[in-house]
Amino acid sequence: MGITTRRGDKLTTDLYQGGKIPKSDLRCQACGSGDEVISFLGFSLSLINDRKLKSIITALQKDIFAANAEIMSSSSGLKRLKVRVNSRSVKRIERYIRDFEGKIKNKHNCFFLPGDNTASASFNICRAVARRAELEVVRLAESGLIENRYLVIYYNRLSDLLYLISLKLKEKA
C-alpha cells in the first residue's frame, strides 16, 4: 500500500482498529500536536552531543508516539496496543525532572527569554508545543474521548522537563 490512500479526501480519518472520525476531531488535533513535539524533539536532538540527553529525548519521542497511537485508537484498538503511557512512564519523566532540577545552578532566576543559543531555544519551542498538546489532551479527557489519566499527567510533566532541559542548555552556553 502506498502512502496516499485518498481516504482523507472525504474529510475523515480512520481510527486504529475501526471507526472513522472527522479530521477536525479533537483527537486529530492532539495527535498533530504530538507529531509536532516529536519532530521538534528530533530537530533539537540534532543540535546536541550529550549521549545521555540524546537517550532521554529518544525515550520521550517513543512515549509521545505511543500516546498518539492511544489517542487515535478505537476502544477495541486500545486493547491491541503493546505500549501505552502509564504510571511507569510518568515516574520515569519525574525522575528526569529531579535529575535536571539538581543540575540547575541558578534556581532563583529560572524565567528567561529564549535565544541564548540554538539548542536551548529549540527545547523552548518543544516546551511550547508540548504545552499546547497538553491542553488538547486535557480537552480530550474532559470530553470523555480518552480515559487514560496518565496521558494528561505525562504531558504536564513533559513541558516541565523540556523547560528544565532548555534552562540547563542555556547555562552551558
N, C-alpha and C. Protein backbone atom coordinates (compact mmCIF):
# COMPACT_ATOMS: atom_id res chain seq x y z
N MET A 1 0.84 -1.18 0.00
CA MET A 1 0.00 0.00 0.00
C MET A 1 0.88 1.24 0.00
N GLY A 2 0.55 2.21 -0.81
CA GLY A 2 1.30 3.46 -0.89
C GLY A 2 0.92 4.40 0.23
N ILE A 3 1.62 5.50 0.31
CA ILE A 3 1.37 6.49 1.35
C ILE A 3 0.05 7.23 1.10
N THR A 4 -0.33 7.39 -0.15
CA THR A 4 -1.57 8.09 -0.49
C THR A 4 -2.71 7.09 -0.57
N THR A 5 -3.68 7.23 0.35
CA THR A 5 -4.83 6.32 0.36
C THR A 5 -6.10 6.99 -0.17
N ARG A 6 -6.12 8.30 -0.17
CA ARG A 6 -7.27 9.11 -0.61
C ARG A 6 -8.47 9.03 0.36
N ARG A 7 -8.34 8.27 1.43
CA ARG A 7 -9.45 8.18 2.37
C ARG A 7 -9.70 9.51 3.08
N GLY A 8 -8.66 10.28 3.27
CA GLY A 8 -8.82 11.57 3.95
C GLY A 8 -9.44 12.65 3.07
N ASP A 9 -9.59 12.38 1.79
CA ASP A 9 -10.18 13.36 0.88
C ASP A 9 -11.64 13.64 1.24
N LYS A 10 -12.26 12.75 1.98
CA LYS A 10 -13.67 12.91 2.38
C LYS A 10 -13.78 13.51 3.78
N LEU A 11 -12.70 14.15 4.22
CA LEU A 11 -12.66 14.89 5.49
C LEU A 11 -12.75 13.99 6.73
N THR A 12 -12.39 12.73 6.57
CA THR A 12 -12.37 11.82 7.72
C THR A 12 -11.02 11.10 7.77
N THR A 13 -10.78 10.48 8.90
CA THR A 13 -9.59 9.65 9.05
C THR A 13 -9.99 8.41 9.84
N ASP A 14 -9.22 7.37 9.70
CA ASP A 14 -9.52 6.11 10.38
C ASP A 14 -8.87 6.06 11.76
N LEU A 15 -9.61 5.49 12.70
CA LEU A 15 -9.03 5.16 13.99
C LEU A 15 -8.37 3.79 13.88
N TYR A 16 -7.38 3.55 14.72
CA TYR A 16 -6.73 2.25 14.75
C TYR A 16 -7.74 1.21 15.20
N GLN A 17 -7.89 0.18 14.44
CA GLN A 17 -8.78 -0.95 14.73
C GLN A 17 -10.26 -0.57 14.64
N GLY A 18 -10.60 0.31 13.73
CA GLY A 18 -12.00 0.53 13.43
C GLY A 18 -12.55 1.87 13.81
N GLY A 19 -13.39 2.36 12.94
CA GLY A 19 -14.07 3.62 13.16
C GLY A 19 -13.44 4.75 12.36
N LYS A 20 -14.27 5.72 12.05
CA LYS A 20 -13.83 6.92 11.34
C LYS A 20 -14.21 8.13 12.19
N ILE A 21 -13.37 9.14 12.10
CA ILE A 21 -13.67 10.41 12.78
C ILE A 21 -13.39 11.54 11.80
N PRO A 22 -14.05 12.69 12.00
CA PRO A 22 -13.75 13.84 11.15
C PRO A 22 -12.31 14.31 11.38
N LYS A 23 -11.69 14.83 10.36
CA LYS A 23 -10.31 15.33 10.50
C LYS A 23 -10.24 16.51 11.47
N SER A 24 -11.38 17.15 11.73
CA SER A 24 -11.42 18.27 12.67
C SER A 24 -11.59 17.80 14.11
N ASP A 25 -11.69 16.50 14.35
CA ASP A 25 -11.87 15.94 15.69
C ASP A 25 -10.71 16.33 16.60
N LEU A 26 -11.03 16.53 17.87
CA LEU A 26 -10.01 16.87 18.87
C LEU A 26 -8.86 15.87 18.88
N ARG A 27 -9.16 14.60 18.62
CA ARG A 27 -8.11 13.58 18.63
C ARG A 27 -7.08 13.84 17.53
N CYS A 28 -7.55 14.28 16.37
CA CYS A 28 -6.62 14.61 15.27
C CYS A 28 -5.75 15.80 15.65
N GLN A 29 -6.35 16.78 16.30
CA GLN A 29 -5.59 17.96 16.71
C GLN A 29 -4.51 17.58 17.73
N ALA A 30 -4.89 16.79 18.72
CA ALA A 30 -3.93 16.38 19.75
C ALA A 30 -2.82 15.52 19.15
N CYS A 31 -3.19 14.63 18.25
CA CYS A 31 -2.19 13.78 17.59
C CYS A 31 -1.25 14.64 16.75
N GLY A 32 -1.80 15.63 16.05
CA GLY A 32 -0.96 16.53 15.26
C GLY A 32 0.02 17.30 16.13
N SER A 33 -0.43 17.75 17.28
CA SER A 33 0.48 18.46 18.19
C SER A 33 1.53 17.51 18.74
N GLY A 34 1.14 16.27 19.02
CA GLY A 34 2.12 15.27 19.43
C GLY A 34 3.16 15.04 18.35
N ASP A 35 2.71 14.96 17.10
CA ASP A 35 3.63 14.83 15.97
C ASP A 35 4.62 16.00 15.91
N GLU A 36 4.09 17.19 16.17
CA GLU A 36 4.97 18.37 16.18
C GLU A 36 6.03 18.26 17.27
N VAL A 37 5.62 17.82 18.46
CA VAL A 37 6.58 17.68 19.55
C VAL A 37 7.66 16.66 19.16
N ILE A 38 7.24 15.53 18.61
CA ILE A 38 8.20 14.51 18.17
C ILE A 38 9.17 15.09 17.16
N SER A 39 8.65 15.85 16.19
CA SER A 39 9.50 16.43 15.14
C SER A 39 10.45 17.49 15.69
N PHE A 40 9.94 18.38 16.54
CA PHE A 40 10.82 19.40 17.12
C PHE A 40 11.86 18.77 18.04
N LEU A 41 11.48 17.71 18.75
CA LEU A 41 12.47 17.00 19.56
C LEU A 41 13.55 16.40 18.67
N GLY A 42 13.16 15.89 17.51
CA GLY A 42 14.14 15.37 16.56
C GLY A 42 15.09 16.44 16.09
N PHE A 43 14.56 17.63 15.82
CA PHE A 43 15.41 18.75 15.43
C PHE A 43 16.36 19.10 16.57
N SER A 44 15.82 19.20 17.77
CA SER A 44 16.64 19.54 18.94
C SER A 44 17.71 18.48 19.18
N LEU A 45 17.36 17.23 18.95
CA LEU A 45 18.30 16.12 19.08
C LEU A 45 19.52 16.33 18.17
N SER A 46 19.28 16.87 17.00
CA SER A 46 20.37 17.08 16.05
C SER A 46 21.33 18.19 16.49
N LEU A 47 20.94 18.95 17.50
CA LEU A 47 21.75 20.09 17.94
C LEU A 47 22.61 19.80 19.16
N ILE A 48 22.43 18.61 19.73
CA ILE A 48 23.16 18.30 20.97
C ILE A 48 24.08 17.11 20.75
N ASN A 49 25.10 17.02 21.61
CA ASN A 49 26.07 15.93 21.54
C ASN A 49 26.05 15.03 22.77
N ASP A 50 25.40 15.45 23.82
CA ASP A 50 25.36 14.71 25.08
C ASP A 50 24.59 13.41 24.88
N ARG A 51 25.27 12.27 25.04
CA ARG A 51 24.65 10.96 24.77
C ARG A 51 23.52 10.64 25.73
N LYS A 52 23.67 11.01 26.99
CA LYS A 52 22.60 10.74 27.96
C LYS A 52 21.35 11.55 27.61
N LEU A 53 21.54 12.82 27.27
CA LEU A 53 20.40 13.66 26.89
C LEU A 53 19.76 13.14 25.61
N LYS A 54 20.56 12.69 24.66
CA LYS A 54 20.02 12.12 23.42
C LYS A 54 19.15 10.90 23.73
N SER A 55 19.59 10.09 24.68
CA SER A 55 18.83 8.91 25.08
C SER A 55 17.50 9.31 25.70
N ILE A 56 17.50 10.33 26.53
CA ILE A 56 16.27 10.83 27.16
C ILE A 56 15.31 11.33 26.10
N ILE A 57 15.82 12.11 25.16
CA ILE A 57 14.97 12.69 24.12
C ILE A 57 14.35 11.58 23.26
N THR A 58 15.13 10.58 22.92
CA THR A 58 14.61 9.46 22.13
C THR A 58 13.51 8.74 22.91
N ALA A 59 13.69 8.56 24.21
CA ALA A 59 12.66 7.92 25.04
C ALA A 59 11.39 8.77 25.05
N LEU A 60 11.53 10.08 25.12
CA LEU A 60 10.36 10.97 25.08
C LEU A 60 9.62 10.83 23.75
N GLN A 61 10.38 10.80 22.66
CA GLN A 61 9.76 10.66 21.34
C GLN A 61 8.95 9.36 21.28
N LYS A 62 9.49 8.28 21.80
CA LYS A 62 8.78 6.99 21.79
C LYS A 62 7.52 7.06 22.65
N ASP A 63 7.60 7.72 23.80
CA ASP A 63 6.42 7.87 24.65
C ASP A 63 5.32 8.64 23.93
N ILE A 64 5.69 9.72 23.28
CA ILE A 64 4.69 10.55 22.58
C ILE A 64 4.11 9.79 21.40
N PHE A 65 4.93 9.01 20.72
CA PHE A 65 4.44 8.16 19.64
C PHE A 65 3.38 7.20 20.19
N ALA A 66 3.66 6.60 21.36
CA ALA A 66 2.70 5.69 22.00
C ALA A 66 1.43 6.44 22.41
N ALA A 67 1.59 7.66 22.93
CA ALA A 67 0.43 8.48 23.31
C ALA A 67 -0.43 8.76 22.08
N ASN A 68 0.21 9.09 20.96
CA ASN A 68 -0.55 9.36 19.73
C ASN A 68 -1.31 8.12 19.28
N ALA A 69 -0.68 6.96 19.38
CA ALA A 69 -1.36 5.72 18.98
C ALA A 69 -2.60 5.51 19.84
N GLU A 70 -2.47 5.78 21.12
CA GLU A 70 -3.61 5.62 22.02
C GLU A 70 -4.72 6.62 21.70
N ILE A 71 -4.33 7.85 21.48
CA ILE A 71 -5.30 8.90 21.17
C ILE A 71 -6.09 8.56 19.90
N MET A 72 -5.42 7.93 18.94
CA MET A 72 -6.05 7.63 17.64
C MET A 72 -6.55 6.20 17.55
N SER A 73 -6.82 5.56 18.69
CA SER A 73 -7.31 4.18 18.70
C SER A 73 -8.79 4.13 19.05
N SER A 74 -9.47 3.18 18.43
CA SER A 74 -10.84 2.87 18.84
C SER A 74 -10.76 2.11 20.17
N SER A 75 -11.91 1.87 20.78
CA SER A 75 -11.93 1.11 22.04
C SER A 75 -11.29 -0.25 21.87
N SER A 76 -11.61 -0.93 20.78
CA SER A 76 -11.02 -2.26 20.56
C SER A 76 -9.53 -2.14 20.23
N GLY A 77 -9.13 -1.04 19.61
CA GLY A 77 -7.72 -0.83 19.29
C GLY A 77 -6.86 -0.65 20.53
N LEU A 78 -7.43 -0.05 21.58
CA LEU A 78 -6.67 0.15 22.82
C LEU A 78 -6.16 -1.16 23.39
N LYS A 79 -6.97 -2.19 23.29
CA LYS A 79 -6.60 -3.49 23.83
C LYS A 79 -5.44 -4.11 23.06
N ARG A 80 -5.26 -3.71 21.84
CA ARG A 80 -4.23 -4.29 20.98
C ARG A 80 -2.90 -3.53 21.04
N LEU A 81 -2.90 -2.36 21.66
CA LEU A 81 -1.66 -1.58 21.75
C LEU A 81 -0.68 -2.28 22.67
N LYS A 82 0.55 -2.42 22.22
CA LYS A 82 1.58 -3.08 23.02
C LYS A 82 2.23 -2.12 24.01
N VAL A 83 2.25 -0.84 23.67
CA VAL A 83 2.89 0.17 24.52
C VAL A 83 1.88 1.30 24.75
N ARG A 84 1.75 1.67 26.03
CA ARG A 84 0.87 2.80 26.39
C ARG A 84 1.57 3.64 27.45
N VAL A 85 1.19 4.89 27.51
CA VAL A 85 1.69 5.76 28.58
C VAL A 85 1.00 5.29 29.86
N ASN A 86 1.82 5.09 30.92
CA ASN A 86 1.28 4.54 32.17
C ASN A 86 2.04 5.14 33.35
N SER A 87 1.83 4.59 34.52
CA SER A 87 2.47 5.13 35.73
C SER A 87 4.00 5.05 35.63
N ARG A 88 4.52 4.01 35.00
CA ARG A 88 5.99 3.91 34.84
C ARG A 88 6.51 5.04 33.95
N SER A 89 5.77 5.40 32.92
CA SER A 89 6.16 6.50 32.04
C SER A 89 6.25 7.80 32.83
N VAL A 90 5.25 8.02 33.66
CA VAL A 90 5.21 9.24 34.48
C VAL A 90 6.34 9.24 35.49
N LYS A 91 6.58 8.11 36.15
CA LYS A 91 7.67 8.04 37.13
C LYS A 91 9.03 8.28 36.47
N ARG A 92 9.19 7.77 35.26
CA ARG A 92 10.46 7.96 34.55
C ARG A 92 10.68 9.45 34.24
N ILE A 93 9.65 10.11 33.74
CA ILE A 93 9.81 11.52 33.40
C ILE A 93 10.00 12.35 34.67
N GLU A 94 9.37 11.96 35.77
CA GLU A 94 9.58 12.67 37.04
C GLU A 94 11.01 12.49 37.53
N ARG A 95 11.59 11.32 37.29
CA ARG A 95 13.00 11.09 37.64
C ARG A 95 13.91 12.00 36.82
N TYR A 96 13.61 12.12 35.53
CA TYR A 96 14.39 13.04 34.68
C TYR A 96 14.29 14.47 35.21
N ILE A 97 13.08 14.88 35.62
CA ILE A 97 12.88 16.23 36.15
C ILE A 97 13.73 16.44 37.40
N ARG A 98 13.69 15.49 38.33
CA ARG A 98 14.51 15.62 39.56
C ARG A 98 15.99 15.73 39.22
N ASP A 99 16.44 14.92 38.26
CA ASP A 99 17.85 14.95 37.86
C ASP A 99 18.23 16.33 37.31
N PHE A 100 17.41 16.88 36.45
CA PHE A 100 17.73 18.19 35.87
C PHE A 100 17.60 19.30 36.90
N GLU A 101 16.61 19.21 37.77
CA GLU A 101 16.47 20.24 38.82
C GLU A 101 17.72 20.27 39.69
N GLY A 102 18.31 19.12 39.94
CA GLY A 102 19.52 19.05 40.75
C GLY A 102 20.74 19.65 40.05
N LYS A 103 20.68 19.78 38.74
CA LYS A 103 21.81 20.31 37.98
C LYS A 103 21.70 21.80 37.67
N ILE A 104 20.55 22.41 37.94
CA ILE A 104 20.36 23.83 37.65
C ILE A 104 21.07 24.65 38.73
N LYS A 105 21.92 25.55 38.30
CA LYS A 105 22.71 26.35 39.24
C LYS A 105 21.92 27.50 39.83
N ASN A 106 21.29 28.28 38.99
CA ASN A 106 20.63 29.50 39.44
C ASN A 106 19.12 29.27 39.50
N LYS A 107 18.65 28.66 40.58
CA LYS A 107 17.24 28.33 40.70
C LYS A 107 16.36 29.53 41.01
N HIS A 108 16.95 30.63 41.40
CA HIS A 108 16.16 31.82 41.74
C HIS A 108 15.86 32.67 40.53
N ASN A 109 16.49 32.39 39.40
CA ASN A 109 16.27 33.18 38.19
C ASN A 109 15.95 32.23 37.04
N CYS A 110 14.87 31.46 37.21
CA CYS A 110 14.55 30.43 36.22
C CYS A 110 13.80 30.95 35.01
N PHE A 111 13.19 32.10 35.08
CA PHE A 111 12.45 32.60 33.93
C PHE A 111 13.39 33.40 33.04
N PHE A 112 13.37 33.09 31.76
CA PHE A 112 14.29 33.75 30.84
C PHE A 112 13.68 33.79 29.44
N LEU A 113 14.17 34.71 28.66
CA LEU A 113 13.75 34.81 27.26
C LEU A 113 14.61 33.86 26.44
N PRO A 114 14.00 33.01 25.61
CA PRO A 114 14.77 32.08 24.78
C PRO A 114 15.65 32.83 23.78
N GLY A 115 16.76 32.21 23.41
CA GLY A 115 17.57 32.76 22.35
C GLY A 115 19.05 32.85 22.64
N ASP A 116 19.48 32.43 23.83
CA ASP A 116 20.90 32.50 24.15
C ASP A 116 21.73 31.59 23.26
N ASN A 117 21.18 30.44 22.92
CA ASN A 117 21.85 29.53 21.99
C ASN A 117 20.80 28.69 21.29
N THR A 118 21.16 28.11 20.18
CA THR A 118 20.20 27.39 19.34
C THR A 118 19.60 26.18 20.07
N ALA A 119 20.42 25.41 20.75
CA ALA A 119 19.92 24.21 21.42
C ALA A 119 18.90 24.57 22.49
N SER A 120 19.23 25.53 23.33
CA SER A 120 18.32 25.95 24.38
C SER A 120 17.01 26.48 23.79
N ALA A 121 17.12 27.32 22.78
CA ALA A 121 15.93 27.88 22.14
C ALA A 121 15.08 26.79 21.51
N SER A 122 15.71 25.78 20.92
CA SER A 122 14.93 24.71 20.28
C SER A 122 14.13 23.92 21.31
N PHE A 123 14.69 23.71 22.50
CA PHE A 123 13.93 23.00 23.52
C PHE A 123 12.81 23.86 24.09
N ASN A 124 12.97 25.18 24.01
CA ASN A 124 11.86 26.05 24.40
C ASN A 124 10.71 25.94 23.41
N ILE A 125 11.02 25.78 22.13
CA ILE A 125 9.97 25.55 21.14
C ILE A 125 9.27 24.22 21.45
N CYS A 126 10.05 23.20 21.75
CA CYS A 126 9.46 21.90 22.12
C CYS A 126 8.53 22.07 23.31
N ARG A 127 8.95 22.83 24.30
CA ARG A 127 8.14 23.06 25.51
C ARG A 127 6.83 23.74 25.16
N ALA A 128 6.88 24.75 24.31
CA ALA A 128 5.66 25.49 23.95
C ALA A 128 4.68 24.59 23.19
N VAL A 129 5.18 23.78 22.28
CA VAL A 129 4.32 22.88 21.52
C VAL A 129 3.77 21.78 22.45
N ALA A 130 4.60 21.30 23.37
CA ALA A 130 4.14 20.29 24.33
C ALA A 130 3.04 20.85 25.22
N ARG A 131 3.14 22.12 25.57
CA ARG A 131 2.11 22.76 26.40
C ARG A 131 0.78 22.80 25.64
N ARG A 132 0.84 23.12 24.33
CA ARG A 132 -0.38 23.11 23.51
C ARG A 132 -0.95 21.70 23.42
N ALA A 133 -0.08 20.73 23.20
CA ALA A 133 -0.52 19.33 23.13
C ALA A 133 -1.18 18.92 24.45
N GLU A 134 -0.61 19.36 25.56
CA GLU A 134 -1.19 19.04 26.87
C GLU A 134 -2.61 19.58 26.96
N LEU A 135 -2.82 20.81 26.53
CA LEU A 135 -4.16 21.40 26.60
C LEU A 135 -5.15 20.62 25.73
N GLU A 136 -4.69 20.14 24.59
CA GLU A 136 -5.55 19.35 23.72
C GLU A 136 -5.87 17.99 24.35
N VAL A 137 -4.90 17.39 25.02
CA VAL A 137 -5.14 16.13 25.71
C VAL A 137 -6.10 16.35 26.88
N VAL A 138 -5.98 17.47 27.57
CA VAL A 138 -6.92 17.80 28.65
C VAL A 138 -8.33 17.91 28.08
N ARG A 139 -8.48 18.58 26.94
CA ARG A 139 -9.80 18.68 26.31
C ARG A 139 -10.36 17.28 25.98
N LEU A 140 -9.49 16.40 25.50
CA LEU A 140 -9.92 15.03 25.20
C LEU A 140 -10.42 14.33 26.46
N ALA A 141 -9.68 14.50 27.55
CA ALA A 141 -10.08 13.87 28.82
C ALA A 141 -11.39 14.46 29.32
N GLU A 142 -11.52 15.78 29.26
CA GLU A 142 -12.74 16.44 29.72
C GLU A 142 -13.96 16.02 28.91
N SER A 143 -13.77 15.74 27.62
CA SER A 143 -14.89 15.36 26.77
C SER A 143 -15.13 13.85 26.77
N GLY A 144 -14.33 13.09 27.51
CA GLY A 144 -14.52 11.65 27.63
C GLY A 144 -13.98 10.85 26.45
N LEU A 145 -13.19 11.48 25.60
CA LEU A 145 -12.64 10.78 24.44
C LEU A 145 -11.41 9.93 24.77
N ILE A 146 -10.79 10.21 25.91
CA ILE A 146 -9.71 9.35 26.41
C ILE A 146 -9.97 9.13 27.90
N GLU A 147 -9.56 7.98 28.38
CA GLU A 147 -9.76 7.65 29.79
C GLU A 147 -8.46 7.51 30.55
N ASN A 148 -7.36 7.39 29.85
CA ASN A 148 -6.06 7.17 30.49
C ASN A 148 -5.58 8.47 31.13
N ARG A 149 -5.71 8.56 32.44
CA ARG A 149 -5.32 9.79 33.15
C ARG A 149 -3.82 10.06 33.06
N TYR A 150 -3.04 9.02 32.78
CA TYR A 150 -1.60 9.20 32.70
C TYR A 150 -1.19 10.02 31.48
N LEU A 151 -2.02 10.07 30.47
CA LEU A 151 -1.71 10.91 29.30
C LEU A 151 -1.64 12.39 29.69
N VAL A 152 -2.62 12.84 30.47
CA VAL A 152 -2.63 14.24 30.93
C VAL A 152 -1.44 14.51 31.83
N ILE A 153 -1.19 13.62 32.78
CA ILE A 153 -0.08 13.80 33.71
C ILE A 153 1.24 13.82 32.95
N TYR A 154 1.40 12.89 32.02
CA TYR A 154 2.65 12.80 31.25
C TYR A 154 2.91 14.11 30.50
N TYR A 155 1.91 14.61 29.79
CA TYR A 155 2.11 15.85 29.04
C TYR A 155 2.40 17.03 29.96
N ASN A 156 1.78 17.05 31.13
CA ASN A 156 2.07 18.12 32.08
C ASN A 156 3.52 18.08 32.52
N ARG A 157 4.03 16.90 32.80
CA ARG A 157 5.43 16.75 33.20
C ARG A 157 6.38 17.02 32.03
N LEU A 158 5.95 16.64 30.83
CA LEU A 158 6.80 16.80 29.65
C LEU A 158 7.21 18.25 29.45
N SER A 159 6.27 19.16 29.51
CA SER A 159 6.64 20.56 29.31
C SER A 159 7.55 21.06 30.42
N ASP A 160 7.36 20.58 31.65
CA ASP A 160 8.26 20.95 32.75
C ASP A 160 9.69 20.47 32.45
N LEU A 161 9.80 19.23 32.02
CA LEU A 161 11.12 18.67 31.70
C LEU A 161 11.79 19.43 30.56
N LEU A 162 11.04 19.73 29.52
CA LEU A 162 11.62 20.43 28.37
C LEU A 162 12.10 21.83 28.77
N TYR A 163 11.37 22.46 29.68
CA TYR A 163 11.81 23.76 30.19
C TYR A 163 13.15 23.61 30.93
N LEU A 164 13.24 22.61 31.78
CA LEU A 164 14.48 22.40 32.53
C LEU A 164 15.66 22.08 31.61
N ILE A 165 15.42 21.29 30.57
CA ILE A 165 16.48 20.99 29.62
C ILE A 165 16.93 22.27 28.93
N SER A 166 15.98 23.10 28.53
CA SER A 166 16.31 24.37 27.90
C SER A 166 17.14 25.25 28.83
N LEU A 167 16.72 25.31 30.09
CA LEU A 167 17.44 26.11 31.08
C LEU A 167 18.86 25.59 31.28
N LYS A 168 19.01 24.28 31.37
CA LYS A 168 20.33 23.68 31.54
C LYS A 168 21.23 23.99 30.35
N LEU A 169 20.68 23.89 29.14
CA LEU A 169 21.48 24.18 27.94
C LEU A 169 21.82 25.66 27.84
N LYS A 170 20.97 26.52 28.39
CA LYS A 170 21.27 27.96 28.45
C LYS A 170 22.45 28.21 29.36
N GLU A 171 22.48 27.50 30.49
CA GLU A 171 23.58 27.66 31.45
C GLU A 171 24.91 27.19 30.86
N LYS A 172 24.85 26.18 29.98
CA LYS A 172 26.09 25.67 29.38
C LYS A 172 26.71 26.65 28.41
N ALA A 173 25.88 27.53 27.87
CA ALA A 173 26.38 28.46 26.83
C ALA A 173 27.33 29.48 27.39
